[in-house]
Amino acid sequence: MKDHFSFHHRLGILLPDLPVDWDQFSKETQAEILFQWEQIRGSIPDRISELENEINHKQAQLSDEGDFPHSCRLNSEIAELASIINDLWLWYRANQTLSERIHQ
């Protein structure tokens, strides 16, 4: 089943990686893929929480930082983490319809 997902390093989760059109999979394989995706999708809020904790830590560092170049790096890191969170929410919401197929 892991053949249908690949690890996305930036997001820190497995994402669908389907080599053929969805309709070419058997109903059984579709159900297995959807079940696996539902488990992955369910972990996305936890991943977002981890990233929010990182942002909070970096913001605390930033409030005490006097070195301008280091402040700029921290700001950049915070922006990247926020971008990752945004992308994770997009995956979580956009693929909700896939998850709903499990229950049909």
C-alpha atoms as a PDB file:
ATOM      1  CA  MET A   1       0.000   0.000   0.000  1.00  0.00           C
ATOM      2  CA  LYS A   2       2.910   2.341   0.615  1.00  0.00           C
ATOM      3  CA  ASP A   3       3.484   2.193  -3.153  1.00  0.00           C
ATOM      4  CA  HIS A   4       0.641   4.681  -3.500  1.00  0.00           C
ATOM      5  CA  PHE A   5       2.188   7.293  -1.197  1.00  0.00           C
ATOM      6  CA  SER A   6       5.544   9.005  -1.003  1.00  0.00           C
ATOM      7  CA  PHE A   7       7.073  11.008   1.807  1.00  0.00           C
ATOM      8  CA  HIS A   8       7.081  14.752   1.208  1.00  0.00           C
ATOM      9  CA  HIS A   9      10.092  16.060   3.103  1.00  0.00           C
ATOM     10  CA  ARG A  10       8.996  19.682   3.253  1.00  0.00           C
ATOM     11  CA  LEU A  11       5.554  18.863   4.650  1.00  0.00           C
ATOM     12  CA  GLY A  12       6.713  15.939   6.771  1.00  0.00           C
ATOM     13  CA  ILE A  13       3.877  13.613   5.727  1.00  0.00           C
ATOM     14  CA  LEU A  14       3.077  10.986   3.132  1.00  0.00           C
ATOM     15  CA  LEU A  15       1.181  12.266   0.093  1.00  0.00           C
ATOM     16  CA  PRO A  16      -0.685  10.343  -2.600  1.00  0.00           C
ATOM     17  CA  ASP A  17       1.564   9.296  -5.454  1.00  0.00           C
ATOM     18  CA  LEU A  18      -0.712   7.462  -7.849  1.00  0.00           C
ATOM     19  CA  PRO A  19       0.999   6.166 -10.995  1.00  0.00           C
ATOM     20  CA  VAL A  20      -2.268   5.632 -12.887  1.00  0.00           C
ATOM     21  CA  ASP A  21      -5.694   7.250 -13.136  1.00  0.00           C
ATOM     22  CA  TRP A  22      -7.926   6.660 -10.099  1.00  0.00           C
ATOM     23  CA  ASP A  23     -10.512   4.718 -12.137  1.00  0.00           C
ATOM     24  CA  GLN A  24      -7.878   2.188 -13.196  1.00  0.00           C
ATOM     25  CA  PHE A  25      -7.576   0.913  -9.626  1.00  0.00           C
ATOM     26  CA  SER A  26      -9.851  -1.872  -8.471  1.00  0.00           C
ATOM     27  CA  LYS A  27     -12.548  -0.923  -5.964  1.00  0.00           C
ATOM     28  CA  GLU A  28     -10.632  -2.877  -3.324  1.00  0.00           C
ATOM     29  CA  THR A  29      -7.411  -0.964  -4.027  1.00  0.00           C
ATOM     30  CA  GLN A  30      -9.310   2.332  -4.041  1.00  0.00           C
ATOM     31  CA  ALA A  31     -10.747   1.497  -0.629  1.00  0.00           C
ATOM     32  CA  GLU A  32      -7.281   0.604   0.706  1.00  0.00           C
ATOM     33  CA  ILE A  33      -5.806   3.840  -0.636  1.00  0.00           C
ATOM     34  CA  LEU A  34      -8.658   5.882   0.819  1.00  0.00           C
ATOM     35  CA  PHE A  35      -8.314   4.167   4.186  1.00  0.00           C
ATOM     36  CA  GLN A  36      -4.570   4.886   4.244  1.00  0.00           C
ATOM     37  CA  TRP A  37      -5.191   8.501   3.188  1.00  0.00           C
ATOM     38  CA  GLU A  38      -7.764   8.942   5.966  1.00  0.00           C
ATOM     39  CA  GLN A  39      -5.121   7.866   8.499  1.00  0.00           C
ATOM     40  CA  ILE A  40      -2.539  10.246   7.011  1.00  0.00           C
ATOM     41  CA  ARG A  41      -5.083  13.065   6.768  1.00  0.00           C
ATOM     42  CA  GLY A  42      -5.984  12.538  10.414  1.00  0.00           C
ATOM     43  CA  SER A  43      -2.353  13.176  11.388  1.00  0.00           C
ATOM     44  CA  ILE A  44      -2.181  16.545   9.616  1.00  0.00           C
ATOM     45  CA  PRO A  45      -3.571  18.628  12.531  1.00  0.00           C
ATOM     46  CA  ASP A  46      -0.916  17.085  14.822  1.00  0.00           C
ATOM     47  CA  ARG A  47       1.794  17.973  12.302  1.00  0.00           C
ATOM     48  CA  ILE A  48       0.443  21.526  12.128  1.00  0.00           C
ATOM     49  CA  SER A  49       0.538  21.755  15.925  1.00  0.00           C
ATOM     50  CA  GLU A  50       4.201  20.693  15.916  1.00  0.00           C
ATOM     51  CA  LEU A  51       5.023  23.418  13.398  1.00  0.00           C
ATOM     52  CA  GLU A  52       3.079  26.017  15.380  1.00  0.00           C
ATOM     53  CA  ASN A  53       5.170  25.116  18.424  1.00  0.00           C
ATOM     54  CA  GLU A  54       8.323  25.660  16.357  1.00  0.00           C
ATOM     55  CA  ILE A  55       7.002  29.047  15.253  1.00  0.00           C
ATOM     56  CA  ASN A  56       6.263  30.021  18.861  1.00  0.00           C
ATOM     57  CA  HIS A  57       9.791  29.014  19.887  1.00  0.00           C
ATOM     58  CA  LYS A  58      11.338  31.036  17.055  1.00  0.00           C
ATOM     59  CA  GLN A  59       9.145  34.034  17.865  1.00  0.00           C
ATOM     60  CA  ALA A  60      10.341  33.890  21.464  1.00  0.00           C
ATOM     61  CA  GLN A  61      13.943  33.817  20.200  1.00  0.00           C
ATOM     62  CA  LEU A  62      13.173  36.713  17.893  1.00  0.00           C
ATOM     63  CA  SER A  63      11.865  38.890  20.718  1.00  0.00           C
ATOM     64  CA  ASP A  64      15.248  38.617  22.472  1.00  0.00           C
ATOM     65  CA  GLU A  65      17.424  38.779  19.361  1.00  0.00           C
ATOM     66  CA  GLY A  66      19.647  41.841  18.936  1.00  0.00           C
ATOM     67  CA  ASP A  67      21.595  40.673  15.888  1.00  0.00           C
ATOM     68  CA  PHE A  68      19.811  41.954  12.775  1.00  0.00           C
ATOM     69  CA  PRO A  69      21.037  39.260  10.357  1.00  0.00           C
ATOM     70  CA  HIS A  70      20.003  36.539  12.812  1.00  0.00           C
ATOM     71  CA  SER A  71      16.599  38.236  13.239  1.00  0.00           C
ATOM     72  CA  CYS A  72      16.173  38.150   9.475  1.00  0.00           C
ATOM     73  CA  ARG A  73      16.993  34.421   9.420  1.00  0.00           C
ATOM     74  CA  LEU A  74      14.477  33.753  12.187  1.00  0.00           C
ATOM     75  CA  ASN A  75      11.816  35.744  10.325  1.00  0.00           C
ATOM     76  CA  SER A  76      12.538  33.757   7.187  1.00  0.00           C
ATOM     77  CA  GLU A  77      12.294  30.456   9.084  1.00  0.00           C
ATOM     78  CA  ILE A  78       8.996  31.545  10.644  1.00  0.00           C
ATOM     79  CA  ALA A  79       7.641  32.472   7.215  1.00  0.00           C
ATOM     80  CA  GLU A  80       8.651  29.082   5.797  1.00  0.00           C
ATOM     81  CA  LEU A  81       6.990  27.234   8.685  1.00  0.00           C
ATOM     82  CA  ALA A  82       3.826  29.291   8.167  1.00  0.00           C
ATOM     83  CA  SER A  83       3.924  28.406   4.466  1.00  0.00           C
ATOM     84  CA  ILE A  84       4.203  24.701   5.314  1.00  0.00           C
ATOM     85  CA  ILE A  85       1.219  25.011   7.670  1.00  0.00           C
ATOM     86  CA  ASN A  86      -0.786  26.661   4.903  1.00  0.00           C
ATOM     87  CA  ASP A  87       0.086  23.854   2.480  1.00  0.00           C
ATOM     88  CA  LEU A  88      -0.851  21.213   5.041  1.00  0.00           C
ATOM     89  CA  TRP A  89      -4.245  22.833   5.589  1.00  0.00           C
ATOM     90  CA  LEU A  90      -4.766  22.881   1.817  1.00  0.00           C
ATOM     91  CA  TRP A  91      -4.054  19.142   1.648  1.00  0.00           C
ATOM     92  CA  TYR A  92      -6.287  18.523   4.635  1.00  0.00           C
ATOM     93  CA  ARG A  93      -9.241  20.423   3.143  1.00  0.00           C
ATOM     94  CA  ALA A  94      -8.778  19.725  -0.564  1.00  0.00           C
ATOM     95  CA  ASN A  95      -8.660  16.004  -0.048  1.00  0.00           C
ATOM     96  CA  GLN A  96     -11.579  15.834   2.343  1.00  0.00           C
ATOM     97  CA  THR A  97     -13.685  14.653  -0.593  1.00  0.00           C
ATOM     98  CA  LEU A  98     -11.366  11.684  -1.001  1.00  0.00           C
ATOM     99  CA  SER A  99     -11.875  10.821   2.639  1.00  0.00           C
ATOM    100  CA  GLU A 100     -15.640  11.102   2.256  1.00  0.00           C
ATOM    101  CA  ARG A 101     -15.555   8.342  -0.381  1.00  0.00           C
ATOM    102  CA  ILE A 102     -14.627   5.872   2.333  1.00  0.00           C
ATOM    103  CA  HIS A 103     -18.028   6.303   3.903  1.00  0.00           C
ATOM    104  CA  GLN A 104     -20.069   5.971   0.702  1.00  0.00           C
END
